[in-house]
Amino acid sequence: QVQLVESGGGLVQAGGSLRLSCAASGSIFSTMAWYRQAPGKQRELVAGKTNGGITNYANSVKGRFTISRDNAKNTVYLQMNSLKPEDTGVYYCYALTVVLSQSYWGQGTQVTVSS
């Protein structure tokens, strides 16, 4: 059974930093990513990384956020620096399995950036 367990959200002032972690279990994953959803908005991709090392970022976070993976631990991280109030939202971990390309989501972790 696949499980994604997120941690690291919280409340931070603008300009601060947070690090999110997502530990996945139950399969081998090709792509792992972080999405976020702000109140009243659609869920959007923040950053993704394949098991081959290819990364992509939303334009709004380039230069401020860094995604990394520990493939041996099936864990993906999101280091968020220079946080802005518009980064506020629920952050979801996403993982795509190698076998059958099935998608899984974490439960979400709240990130709130105060101005």
Protein backbone atom coordinates (compact mmCIF):
# COMPACT_ATOMS: atom_id res chain seq x y z
CA GLN A 1 0.00 0.00 0.00
CA VAL A 2 1.41 3.37 -1.03
CA GLN A 3 1.66 6.06 1.61
CA LEU A 4 2.97 9.61 1.43
CA VAL A 5 3.66 11.31 4.75
CA GLU A 6 4.40 15.02 4.72
CA SER A 7 5.93 17.19 7.40
CA GLY A 8 7.47 20.62 7.85
CA GLY A 9 4.69 23.11 7.26
CA GLY A 10 3.95 26.00 9.58
CA LEU A 11 3.73 29.73 10.08
CA VAL A 12 6.62 31.95 9.06
CA GLN A 13 7.18 35.65 8.44
CA ALA A 14 7.82 36.97 4.97
CA GLY A 15 11.45 36.48 4.05
CA GLY A 16 11.76 33.38 6.19
CA SER A 17 12.39 29.76 5.27
CA LEU A 18 10.71 26.40 5.67
CA ARG A 19 11.64 22.89 4.61
CA LEU A 20 8.99 20.37 3.68
CA SER A 21 9.59 16.63 3.65
CA CYS A 22 7.58 13.81 2.12
CA ALA A 23 8.40 10.20 2.89
CA ALA A 24 6.90 7.74 0.42
CA SER A 25 6.54 4.01 0.88
CA GLY A 26 5.00 1.03 -0.84
CA SER A 27 6.40 1.39 -4.34
CA ILE A 28 9.14 2.80 -6.53
CA PHE A 29 8.47 6.24 -7.87
CA SER A 30 9.51 7.94 -11.06
CA THR A 31 8.37 11.52 -10.48
CA MET A 32 7.93 13.12 -7.09
CA ALA A 33 6.65 16.65 -6.79
CA TRP A 34 5.13 19.34 -4.66
CA TYR A 35 1.87 21.09 -5.49
CA ARG A 36 0.11 23.83 -3.58
CA GLN A 37 -3.40 25.15 -3.34
CA ALA A 38 -4.21 28.62 -2.09
CA PRO A 39 -7.71 29.49 -0.86
CA GLY A 40 -10.07 29.92 -3.78
CA LYS A 41 -7.47 28.83 -6.34
CA GLN A 42 -6.67 25.68 -8.26
CA ARG A 43 -3.95 23.33 -7.20
CA GLU A 44 -0.71 24.18 -9.01
CA LEU A 45 2.66 22.54 -9.52
CA VAL A 46 5.41 24.09 -7.42
CA ALA A 47 8.33 21.82 -8.24
CA GLY A 48 8.96 18.31 -9.50
CA LYS A 49 11.90 15.96 -9.82
CA THR A 50 12.26 12.68 -11.67
CA ASN A 51 14.29 9.75 -10.40
CA GLY A 52 16.73 10.59 -13.19
CA GLY A 53 17.31 14.04 -11.74
CA ILE A 54 15.28 16.23 -14.10
CA THR A 55 13.70 19.11 -12.24
CA ASN A 56 11.15 21.75 -13.05
CA TYR A 57 9.82 24.71 -11.11
CA ALA A 58 6.93 27.10 -11.30
CA ASN A 59 8.18 30.48 -12.49
CA SER A 60 6.96 32.07 -9.29
CA VAL A 61 9.36 30.04 -7.14
CA LYS A 62 12.45 29.83 -9.32
CA GLY A 63 15.51 31.00 -7.44
CA ARG A 64 13.77 30.72 -4.07
CA PHE A 65 12.69 27.07 -3.77
CA THR A 66 14.78 23.95 -4.24
CA ILE A 67 13.46 20.42 -4.64
CA SER A 68 15.65 17.46 -3.80
CA ARG A 69 15.23 13.72 -3.51
CA ASP A 70 16.81 10.92 -1.58
CA ASN A 71 15.94 7.98 -3.81
CA ALA A 72 17.27 5.44 -1.32
CA LYS A 73 14.81 6.76 1.25
CA ASN A 74 11.99 7.51 -1.22
CA THR A 75 11.85 10.98 0.26
CA VAL A 76 11.42 14.32 -1.45
CA TYR A 77 12.19 17.69 0.11
CA LEU A 78 11.24 21.24 -0.69
CA GLN A 79 13.51 23.94 0.68
CA MET A 80 11.63 27.24 0.59
CA ASN A 81 13.57 30.46 1.08
CA SER A 82 12.60 34.12 0.83
CA LEU A 83 9.00 33.19 1.43
CA LYS A 84 6.27 35.60 0.40
CA PRO A 85 2.65 35.92 1.58
CA GLU A 86 1.54 34.65 -1.84
CA ASP A 87 3.29 31.35 -1.08
CA THR A 88 0.61 30.66 1.51
CA GLY A 89 -1.42 27.54 0.90
CA VAL A 90 -1.72 23.84 1.48
CA TYR A 91 1.26 22.00 0.04
CA TYR A 92 0.71 18.50 -1.27
CA CYS A 93 3.26 15.84 -2.03
CA TYR A 94 2.72 13.93 -5.27
CA ALA A 95 4.29 10.68 -6.44
CA LEU A 96 4.00 8.70 -9.66
CA THR A 97 4.81 5.00 -9.54
CA VAL A 98 7.19 3.38 -12.00
CA VAL A 99 4.89 0.39 -12.38
CA LEU A 100 1.51 1.26 -13.95
CA SER A 101 2.16 5.04 -13.60
CA GLN A 102 -0.28 5.43 -10.73
CA SER A 103 -0.57 8.79 -8.99
CA TYR A 104 -0.68 9.30 -5.26
CA TRP A 105 -1.13 12.36 -3.06
CA GLY A 106 -0.16 13.19 0.47
CA GLN A 107 -2.62 14.61 2.98
CA GLY A 108 -1.28 18.15 2.64
CA THR A 109 0.57 20.45 4.99
CA GLN A 110 -0.31 24.08 5.65
CA VAL A 111 2.19 26.81 4.92
CA THR A 112 1.28 30.31 6.06
CA VAL A 113 3.50 33.31 5.33
CA SER A 114 2.63 36.46 7.23
CA SER A 115 3.49 39.92 5.94
